[in-house]
């Protein structure tokens, strides 16, 4: 990955990561067991014992969240560097990318790791799609477009 992509990847990771985790914290306060338990749940994906690790598990969950977001940002930014349409129509492609990240996370990754643990409710599906599109996909796409438009001039 070129060093010139580091800044938009880091910025997109930070912005989308903060927006998404704030939404998760609010939702955990309203519907769940609170932020600490939610973060331990995130950590328990790659670290199954993290649910019992207290504050360390919660901190690890925050790190895991941002690591996942960094991958999501890096994939989009790297693609946007090569595909002009991603830079030219960030709202469209950010929306589609958010939907794609929803599908990957909720229909592939989570069911593979937590078999049968997440029976989807309509409210949950709508909430997750909103978060993936509005808080993750669109911000990543807008940040990528802004940075890459400055760097890549049309021929």
N, C-alpha and C. Protein backbone atom coordinates (compact mmCIF):
# COMPACT_ATOMS: atom_id res chain seq x y z
N UNK A 1 0.86 -1.17 0.00
CA UNK A 1 0.00 0.00 0.00
C UNK A 1 0.90 1.23 0.00
N UNK A 2 0.69 2.14 -0.96
CA UNK A 2 1.52 3.35 -1.01
C UNK A 2 1.39 4.19 0.25
N UNK A 3 2.50 4.82 0.64
CA UNK A 3 2.50 5.67 1.83
C UNK A 3 1.51 6.83 1.69
N UNK A 4 1.24 7.24 0.44
CA UNK A 4 0.32 8.36 0.22
C UNK A 4 -1.12 8.02 0.61
N UNK A 5 -1.41 6.74 0.79
CA UNK A 5 -2.76 6.33 1.20
C UNK A 5 -2.90 6.24 2.72
N UNK A 6 -1.80 6.37 3.42
CA UNK A 6 -1.84 6.23 4.88
C UNK A 6 -2.77 7.26 5.52
N UNK A 7 -2.66 8.51 5.11
CA UNK A 7 -3.47 9.56 5.74
C UNK A 7 -4.97 9.33 5.55
N UNK A 8 -5.46 9.11 4.31
CA UNK A 8 -6.90 8.89 4.19
C UNK A 8 -7.37 7.62 4.90
N UNK A 9 -6.54 6.59 4.94
CA UNK A 9 -6.93 5.37 5.64
C UNK A 9 -7.05 5.65 7.14
N UNK A 10 -6.06 6.33 7.70
CA UNK A 10 -6.11 6.65 9.13
C UNK A 10 -7.29 7.57 9.46
N UNK A 11 -7.50 8.57 8.63
CA UNK A 11 -8.60 9.50 8.89
C UNK A 11 -9.95 8.79 8.76
N UNK A 12 -10.13 7.98 7.74
CA UNK A 12 -11.39 7.25 7.56
C UNK A 12 -11.60 6.25 8.70
N UNK A 13 -10.53 5.62 9.14
CA UNK A 13 -10.62 4.69 10.27
C UNK A 13 -11.08 5.42 11.52
N UNK A 14 -10.47 6.56 11.78
CA UNK A 14 -10.81 7.32 12.98
C UNK A 14 -12.25 7.83 12.93
N UNK A 15 -12.64 8.46 11.83
CA UNK A 15 -13.98 9.04 11.73
C UNK A 15 -15.05 7.95 11.77
N UNK A 16 -14.95 6.97 10.88
CA UNK A 16 -15.97 5.91 10.84
C UNK A 16 -15.93 5.08 12.12
N UNK A 17 -14.74 4.83 12.63
CA UNK A 17 -14.62 4.05 13.86
C UNK A 17 -15.27 4.73 15.05
N UNK A 18 -15.06 6.03 15.18
CA UNK A 18 -15.67 6.77 16.29
C UNK A 18 -17.19 6.84 16.13
N UNK A 19 -17.65 7.17 14.92
CA UNK A 19 -19.10 7.23 14.70
C UNK A 19 -19.77 5.89 15.01
N UNK A 20 -19.17 4.82 14.51
CA UNK A 20 -19.77 3.49 14.69
C UNK A 20 -19.73 3.05 16.15
N UNK A 21 -18.64 3.29 16.83
CA UNK A 21 -18.56 2.84 18.23
C UNK A 21 -19.46 3.69 19.12
N UNK A 22 -19.62 4.98 18.81
CA UNK A 22 -20.56 5.79 19.58
C UNK A 22 -21.98 5.28 19.42
N UNK A 23 -22.34 4.91 18.20
CA UNK A 23 -23.67 4.33 17.98
C UNK A 23 -23.82 3.03 18.75
N UNK A 24 -22.79 2.19 18.73
CA UNK A 24 -22.84 0.92 19.46
C UNK A 24 -22.96 1.15 20.96
N UNK A 25 -22.26 2.15 21.47
CA UNK A 25 -22.33 2.46 22.90
C UNK A 25 -23.74 2.93 23.27
N UNK A 26 -24.29 3.82 22.46
CA UNK A 26 -25.65 4.30 22.73
C UNK A 26 -26.65 3.14 22.68
N UNK A 27 -26.54 2.31 21.67
CA UNK A 27 -27.45 1.17 21.55
C UNK A 27 -27.27 0.19 22.70
N UNK A 28 -26.03 0.01 23.16
CA UNK A 28 -25.80 -0.91 24.28
C UNK A 28 -26.38 -0.36 25.57
N UNK A 29 -26.42 0.97 25.69
CA UNK A 29 -27.03 1.58 26.87
C UNK A 29 -28.56 1.45 26.83
N UNK A 30 -29.12 1.53 25.64
CA UNK A 30 -30.58 1.47 25.50
C UNK A 30 -31.08 0.03 25.51
N UNK A 31 -30.45 -0.83 24.74
CA UNK A 31 -30.98 -2.18 24.52
C UNK A 31 -30.12 -3.31 25.07
N UNK A 32 -28.90 -3.02 25.48
CA UNK A 32 -27.98 -4.10 25.83
C UNK A 32 -27.57 -4.08 27.29
N UNK A 33 -26.39 -4.63 27.53
CA UNK A 33 -25.83 -4.73 28.87
C UNK A 33 -24.82 -3.64 29.17
N UNK A 34 -24.76 -2.62 28.32
CA UNK A 34 -23.83 -1.52 28.55
C UNK A 34 -22.59 -1.62 27.68
N UNK A 35 -21.83 -0.51 27.60
CA UNK A 35 -20.66 -0.44 26.73
C UNK A 35 -19.56 -1.45 27.05
N UNK A 36 -19.28 -1.66 28.33
CA UNK A 36 -18.18 -2.57 28.69
C UNK A 36 -18.47 -3.98 28.19
N UNK A 37 -19.68 -4.46 28.42
CA UNK A 37 -20.05 -5.81 27.97
C UNK A 37 -20.07 -5.88 26.45
N UNK A 38 -20.56 -4.83 25.80
CA UNK A 38 -20.59 -4.81 24.34
C UNK A 38 -19.16 -4.90 23.78
N UNK A 39 -18.24 -4.13 24.36
CA UNK A 39 -16.85 -4.16 23.89
C UNK A 39 -16.20 -5.51 24.15
N UNK A 40 -16.50 -6.13 25.28
CA UNK A 40 -15.97 -7.48 25.52
C UNK A 40 -16.53 -8.46 24.50
N UNK A 41 -17.79 -8.24 24.09
CA UNK A 41 -18.37 -9.07 23.04
C UNK A 41 -17.63 -8.93 21.73
N UNK A 42 -17.23 -7.71 21.40
CA UNK A 42 -16.44 -7.47 20.18
C UNK A 42 -15.11 -8.21 20.28
N UNK A 43 -14.46 -8.09 21.43
CA UNK A 43 -13.17 -8.77 21.62
C UNK A 43 -13.30 -10.27 21.56
N UNK A 44 -14.46 -10.79 21.97
CA UNK A 44 -14.63 -12.25 22.01
C UNK A 44 -14.69 -12.87 20.63
N UNK A 45 -14.84 -12.05 19.58
CA UNK A 45 -14.78 -12.60 18.22
C UNK A 45 -13.45 -13.29 17.98
N UNK A 46 -12.34 -12.54 17.99
CA UNK A 46 -11.04 -13.18 17.78
C UNK A 46 -10.44 -13.78 19.06
N UNK A 47 -10.94 -13.37 20.23
CA UNK A 47 -10.41 -13.85 21.51
C UNK A 47 -11.55 -14.40 22.35
N UNK A 48 -11.92 -15.66 22.19
CA UNK A 48 -13.12 -16.21 22.83
C UNK A 48 -13.21 -16.00 24.34
N UNK A 49 -12.13 -15.94 25.05
CA UNK A 49 -12.18 -15.76 26.50
C UNK A 49 -12.37 -14.33 26.95
N UNK A 50 -12.35 -13.39 26.02
CA UNK A 50 -12.38 -11.96 26.37
C UNK A 50 -13.63 -11.54 27.13
N UNK A 51 -14.69 -12.28 27.00
CA UNK A 51 -15.93 -11.93 27.72
C UNK A 51 -15.72 -11.91 29.22
N UNK A 52 -14.72 -12.64 29.71
CA UNK A 52 -14.46 -12.74 31.14
C UNK A 52 -13.25 -11.91 31.58
N UNK A 53 -12.75 -11.03 30.74
CA UNK A 53 -11.51 -10.33 31.04
C UNK A 53 -11.71 -8.94 31.63
N UNK A 54 -12.91 -8.57 31.97
CA UNK A 54 -13.16 -7.27 32.60
C UNK A 54 -12.74 -6.10 31.74
N UNK A 55 -12.11 -5.12 32.39
CA UNK A 55 -11.70 -3.90 31.68
C UNK A 55 -10.71 -4.19 30.55
N UNK A 56 -9.84 -5.16 30.75
CA UNK A 56 -8.88 -5.52 29.70
C UNK A 56 -9.61 -6.04 28.46
N UNK A 57 -10.65 -6.83 28.67
CA UNK A 57 -11.45 -7.33 27.55
C UNK A 57 -12.17 -6.20 26.83
N UNK A 58 -12.66 -5.22 27.59
CA UNK A 58 -13.32 -4.06 26.98
C UNK A 58 -12.32 -3.25 26.16
N UNK A 59 -11.14 -3.01 26.69
CA UNK A 59 -10.11 -2.27 25.96
C UNK A 59 -9.71 -3.02 24.69
N UNK A 60 -9.58 -4.32 24.81
CA UNK A 60 -9.25 -5.14 23.64
C UNK A 60 -10.37 -5.05 22.61
N UNK A 61 -11.61 -5.03 23.06
CA UNK A 61 -12.74 -4.89 22.14
C UNK A 61 -12.68 -3.60 21.35
N UNK A 62 -12.29 -2.52 22.01
CA UNK A 62 -12.15 -1.24 21.32
C UNK A 62 -11.04 -1.33 20.27
N UNK A 63 -9.94 -1.98 20.63
CA UNK A 63 -8.83 -2.16 19.67
C UNK A 63 -9.27 -3.03 18.49
N UNK A 64 -10.00 -4.10 18.76
CA UNK A 64 -10.49 -4.97 17.69
C UNK A 64 -11.42 -4.18 16.77
N UNK A 65 -12.31 -3.39 17.37
CA UNK A 65 -13.23 -2.57 16.58
C UNK A 65 -12.47 -1.68 15.60
N UNK A 66 -11.45 -0.97 16.10
CA UNK A 66 -10.69 -0.08 15.23
C UNK A 66 -9.83 -0.84 14.23
N UNK A 67 -9.38 -2.03 14.57
CA UNK A 67 -8.63 -2.84 13.61
C UNK A 67 -9.53 -3.26 12.44
N UNK A 68 -10.74 -3.68 12.77
CA UNK A 68 -11.71 -4.05 11.72
C UNK A 68 -12.02 -2.83 10.85
N UNK A 69 -12.22 -1.68 11.49
CA UNK A 69 -12.52 -0.46 10.74
C UNK A 69 -11.35 -0.07 9.86
N UNK A 70 -10.12 -0.28 10.32
CA UNK A 70 -8.95 0.03 9.50
C UNK A 70 -8.92 -0.82 8.25
N UNK A 71 -9.29 -2.09 8.37
CA UNK A 71 -9.34 -2.97 7.20
C UNK A 71 -10.42 -2.47 6.23
N UNK A 72 -11.59 -2.12 6.77
CA UNK A 72 -12.67 -1.62 5.92
C UNK A 72 -12.24 -0.34 5.19
N UNK A 73 -11.59 0.56 5.90
CA UNK A 73 -11.13 1.81 5.29
C UNK A 73 -10.04 1.54 4.25
N UNK A 74 -9.10 0.69 4.58
CA UNK A 74 -7.99 0.40 3.66
C UNK A 74 -8.49 -0.22 2.35
N UNK A 75 -9.44 -1.14 2.46
CA UNK A 75 -9.98 -1.78 1.26
C UNK A 75 -10.62 -0.74 0.35
N UNK A 76 -11.45 0.13 0.93
CA UNK A 76 -12.14 1.13 0.11
C UNK A 76 -11.15 2.14 -0.47
N UNK A 77 -10.25 2.66 0.33
CA UNK A 77 -9.30 3.67 -0.15
C UNK A 77 -8.43 3.09 -1.26
N UNK A 78 -7.96 1.87 -1.08
CA UNK A 78 -7.12 1.24 -2.11
C UNK A 78 -7.92 1.05 -3.40
N UNK A 79 -9.18 0.66 -3.28
CA UNK A 79 -10.01 0.50 -4.47
C UNK A 79 -10.28 1.85 -5.12
N UNK A 80 -10.55 2.87 -4.31
CA UNK A 80 -10.86 4.21 -4.85
C UNK A 80 -9.66 4.82 -5.56
N UNK A 81 -8.48 4.43 -5.14
CA UNK A 81 -7.29 4.94 -5.83
C UNK A 81 -7.25 4.42 -7.27
N UNK A 82 -7.75 3.23 -7.48
CA UNK A 82 -7.68 2.58 -8.79
C UNK A 82 -8.95 2.77 -9.63
N UNK A 83 -10.08 3.00 -8.99
CA UNK A 83 -11.36 3.05 -9.71
C UNK A 83 -11.94 4.46 -9.57
N UNK A 84 -11.93 5.20 -10.66
CA UNK A 84 -12.35 6.60 -10.64
C UNK A 84 -13.79 6.78 -10.16
N UNK A 85 -14.69 5.88 -10.50
CA UNK A 85 -16.10 6.02 -10.11
C UNK A 85 -16.26 6.11 -8.60
N UNK A 86 -15.41 5.43 -7.85
CA UNK A 86 -15.49 5.48 -6.39
C UNK A 86 -15.15 6.86 -5.85
N UNK A 87 -14.29 7.57 -6.57
CA UNK A 87 -13.94 8.95 -6.18
C UNK A 87 -14.98 9.95 -6.66
N UNK A 88 -15.58 9.67 -7.79
CA UNK A 88 -16.49 10.61 -8.43
C UNK A 88 -17.89 10.60 -7.82
N UNK A 89 -18.34 9.47 -7.30
CA UNK A 89 -19.69 9.35 -6.71
C UNK A 89 -19.61 8.69 -5.34
N UNK A 90 -19.01 9.40 -4.37
CA UNK A 90 -18.80 8.77 -3.06
C UNK A 90 -20.09 8.45 -2.30
N UNK A 91 -21.15 9.22 -2.49
CA UNK A 91 -22.39 8.90 -1.78
C UNK A 91 -22.98 7.59 -2.28
N UNK A 92 -23.00 7.41 -3.58
CA UNK A 92 -23.51 6.16 -4.16
C UNK A 92 -22.65 4.98 -3.73
N UNK A 93 -21.34 5.09 -3.95
CA UNK A 93 -20.45 3.97 -3.68
C UNK A 93 -20.25 3.75 -2.18
N UNK A 94 -20.31 4.81 -1.39
CA UNK A 94 -20.25 4.66 0.06
C UNK A 94 -21.47 3.92 0.59
N UNK A 95 -22.64 4.22 0.02
CA UNK A 95 -23.86 3.51 0.40
C UNK A 95 -23.74 2.03 0.05
N UNK A 96 -23.29 1.75 -1.16
CA UNK A 96 -23.13 0.35 -1.58
C UNK A 96 -22.05 -0.35 -0.76
N UNK A 97 -20.98 0.36 -0.43
CA UNK A 97 -19.92 -0.23 0.39
C UNK A 97 -20.43 -0.52 1.80
N UNK A 98 -21.22 0.39 2.35
CA UNK A 98 -21.83 0.15 3.66
C UNK A 98 -22.71 -1.08 3.64
N UNK A 99 -23.50 -1.25 2.58
CA UNK A 99 -24.33 -2.45 2.46
C UNK A 99 -23.46 -3.71 2.34
N UNK A 100 -22.37 -3.59 1.59
CA UNK A 100 -21.46 -4.73 1.45
C UNK A 100 -20.82 -5.10 2.79
N UNK A 101 -20.41 -4.08 3.56
CA UNK A 101 -19.81 -4.39 4.86
C UNK A 101 -20.85 -5.01 5.80
N UNK A 102 -22.10 -4.57 5.69
CA UNK A 102 -23.17 -5.19 6.49
C UNK A 102 -23.29 -6.68 6.14
N UNK A 103 -23.35 -6.97 4.86
CA UNK A 103 -23.50 -8.35 4.41
C UNK A 103 -22.32 -9.20 4.89
N UNK A 104 -21.12 -8.71 4.69
CA UNK A 104 -19.93 -9.48 5.09
C UNK A 104 -19.93 -9.73 6.59
N UNK A 105 -20.14 -8.68 7.37
CA UNK A 105 -20.07 -8.83 8.84
C UNK A 105 -21.24 -9.65 9.39
N UNK A 106 -22.46 -9.34 8.98
CA UNK A 106 -23.63 -9.92 9.62
C UNK A 106 -24.13 -11.22 9.00
N UNK A 107 -23.79 -11.45 7.76
CA UNK A 107 -24.25 -12.68 7.11
C UNK A 107 -23.13 -13.70 6.89
N UNK A 108 -21.88 -13.28 7.08
CA UNK A 108 -20.76 -14.21 6.88
C UNK A 108 -19.91 -14.31 8.15
N UNK A 109 -19.25 -13.21 8.57
CA UNK A 109 -18.28 -13.26 9.66
C UNK A 109 -18.93 -13.66 10.99
N UNK A 110 -19.94 -12.92 11.43
CA UNK A 110 -20.55 -13.21 12.74
C UNK A 110 -21.19 -14.60 12.81
N UNK A 111 -21.95 -15.03 11.79
CA UNK A 111 -22.50 -16.39 11.87
C UNK A 111 -21.43 -17.49 11.88
N UNK A 112 -20.30 -17.24 11.21
CA UNK A 112 -19.23 -18.24 11.24
C UNK A 112 -18.60 -18.33 12.62
N UNK A 113 -18.47 -17.20 13.29
CA UNK A 113 -17.83 -17.17 14.61
C UNK A 113 -18.79 -17.50 15.75
N UNK A 114 -20.02 -16.99 15.66
CA UNK A 114 -21.01 -17.17 16.72
C UNK A 114 -22.24 -17.88 16.15
N UNK A 115 -22.12 -19.15 15.93
CA UNK A 115 -23.19 -19.92 15.29
C UNK A 115 -24.51 -19.80 16.07
N UNK A 116 -25.53 -19.31 15.38
CA UNK A 116 -26.86 -19.21 15.95
C UNK A 116 -27.04 -18.18 17.04
N UNK A 117 -26.04 -17.35 17.29
CA UNK A 117 -26.09 -16.42 18.42
C UNK A 117 -26.84 -15.13 18.10
N UNK A 118 -27.04 -14.83 16.83
CA UNK A 118 -27.63 -13.55 16.47
C UNK A 118 -28.88 -13.73 15.61
N UNK A 119 -29.97 -14.17 16.19
CA UNK A 119 -31.18 -14.23 15.36
C UNK A 119 -31.60 -12.80 15.01
N UNK A 120 -31.66 -12.48 13.74
CA UNK A 120 -31.92 -11.09 13.37
C UNK A 120 -33.36 -10.66 13.65
N UNK A 121 -33.49 -9.49 14.23
CA UNK A 121 -34.81 -8.87 14.37
C UNK A 121 -34.88 -7.77 13.32
N UNK A 122 -36.07 -7.36 12.96
CA UNK A 122 -36.21 -6.29 11.97
C UNK A 122 -35.53 -5.02 12.46
N UNK A 123 -35.73 -4.68 13.74
CA UNK A 123 -35.09 -3.48 14.30
C UNK A 123 -33.57 -3.62 14.22
N UNK A 124 -33.05 -4.80 14.55
CA UNK A 124 -31.61 -5.02 14.50
C UNK A 124 -31.05 -4.89 13.10
N UNK A 125 -31.75 -5.45 12.13
CA UNK A 125 -31.30 -5.38 10.74
C UNK A 125 -31.29 -3.92 10.27
N UNK A 126 -32.37 -3.20 10.53
CA UNK A 126 -32.46 -1.80 10.11
C UNK A 126 -31.37 -0.97 10.78
N UNK A 127 -31.19 -1.18 12.08
CA UNK A 127 -30.16 -0.44 12.81
C UNK A 127 -28.77 -0.72 12.26
N UNK A 128 -28.47 -1.99 12.04
CA UNK A 128 -27.15 -2.36 11.52
C UNK A 128 -26.91 -1.82 10.12
N UNK A 129 -27.93 -1.89 9.27
CA UNK A 129 -27.77 -1.34 7.92
C UNK A 129 -27.54 0.16 7.99
N UNK A 130 -28.32 0.86 8.82
CA UNK A 130 -28.12 2.30 8.99
C UNK A 130 -26.68 2.59 9.42
N UNK A 131 -26.22 1.91 10.44
CA UNK A 131 -24.86 2.16 10.95
C UNK A 131 -23.80 1.87 9.89
N UNK A 132 -23.94 0.75 9.19
CA UNK A 132 -22.93 0.39 8.19
C UNK A 132 -22.93 1.36 7.01
N UNK A 133 -24.10 1.84 6.62
CA UNK A 133 -24.17 2.76 5.48
C UNK A 133 -23.80 4.19 5.90
N UNK A 134 -24.52 4.73 6.89
CA UNK A 134 -24.40 6.15 7.23
C UNK A 134 -23.16 6.46 8.07
N UNK A 135 -22.78 5.55 8.94
CA UNK A 135 -21.67 5.82 9.85
C UNK A 135 -20.34 5.22 9.40
N UNK A 136 -20.40 4.26 8.48
CA UNK A 136 -19.17 3.60 8.03
C UNK A 136 -18.93 3.84 6.53
N UNK A 137 -19.80 3.32 5.68
CA UNK A 137 -19.56 3.38 4.24
C UNK A 137 -19.44 4.78 3.68
N UNK A 138 -20.43 5.62 3.98
CA UNK A 138 -20.41 6.98 3.42
C UNK A 138 -19.24 7.81 3.94
N UNK A 139 -18.97 7.83 5.25
CA UNK A 139 -17.80 8.61 5.69
C UNK A 139 -16.48 8.13 5.08
N UNK A 140 -16.30 6.82 4.99
CA UNK A 140 -15.08 6.31 4.38
C UNK A 140 -14.98 6.76 2.93
N UNK A 141 -16.08 6.67 2.19
CA UNK A 141 -16.07 7.05 0.77
C UNK A 141 -15.82 8.55 0.60
N UNK A 142 -16.44 9.37 1.44
CA UNK A 142 -16.23 10.81 1.33
C UNK A 142 -14.79 11.21 1.64
N UNK A 143 -14.23 10.59 2.66
CA UNK A 143 -12.83 10.89 3.02
C UNK A 143 -11.89 10.42 1.93
N UNK A 144 -12.12 9.23 1.40
CA UNK A 144 -11.28 8.73 0.31
C UNK A 144 -11.37 9.65 -0.90
N UNK A 145 -12.58 10.04 -1.26
CA UNK A 145 -12.76 10.90 -2.44
C UNK A 145 -12.05 12.24 -2.24
N UNK A 146 -12.21 12.83 -1.07
CA UNK A 146 -11.59 14.13 -0.81
C UNK A 146 -10.06 14.04 -0.94
N UNK A 147 -9.47 13.05 -0.33
CA UNK A 147 -8.01 12.92 -0.37
C UNK A 147 -7.51 12.55 -1.76
N UNK A 148 -8.19 11.62 -2.40
CA UNK A 148 -7.69 11.12 -3.68
C UNK A 148 -7.95 12.10 -4.82
N UNK A 149 -8.99 12.90 -4.72
CA UNK A 149 -9.23 13.91 -5.77
C UNK A 149 -8.10 14.93 -5.79
N UNK A 150 -7.56 15.25 -4.64
CA UNK A 150 -6.45 16.20 -4.57
C UNK A 150 -5.19 15.62 -5.21
N UNK A 151 -5.02 14.33 -5.06
CA UNK A 151 -3.79 13.68 -5.47
C UNK A 151 -3.82 13.20 -6.91
N UNK A 152 -4.98 12.75 -7.37
CA UNK A 152 -5.07 12.16 -8.72
C UNK A 152 -5.82 13.16 -9.61
N UNK A 153 -5.11 13.74 -10.54
CA UNK A 153 -5.73 14.69 -11.46
C UNK A 153 -6.21 13.94 -12.71
N UNK A 154 -7.41 14.29 -13.21
CA UNK A 154 -7.90 13.62 -14.43
C UNK A 154 -6.99 13.90 -15.61
N UNK A 155 -6.92 12.91 -16.50
CA UNK A 155 -6.05 13.04 -17.69
C UNK A 155 -6.65 13.95 -18.72
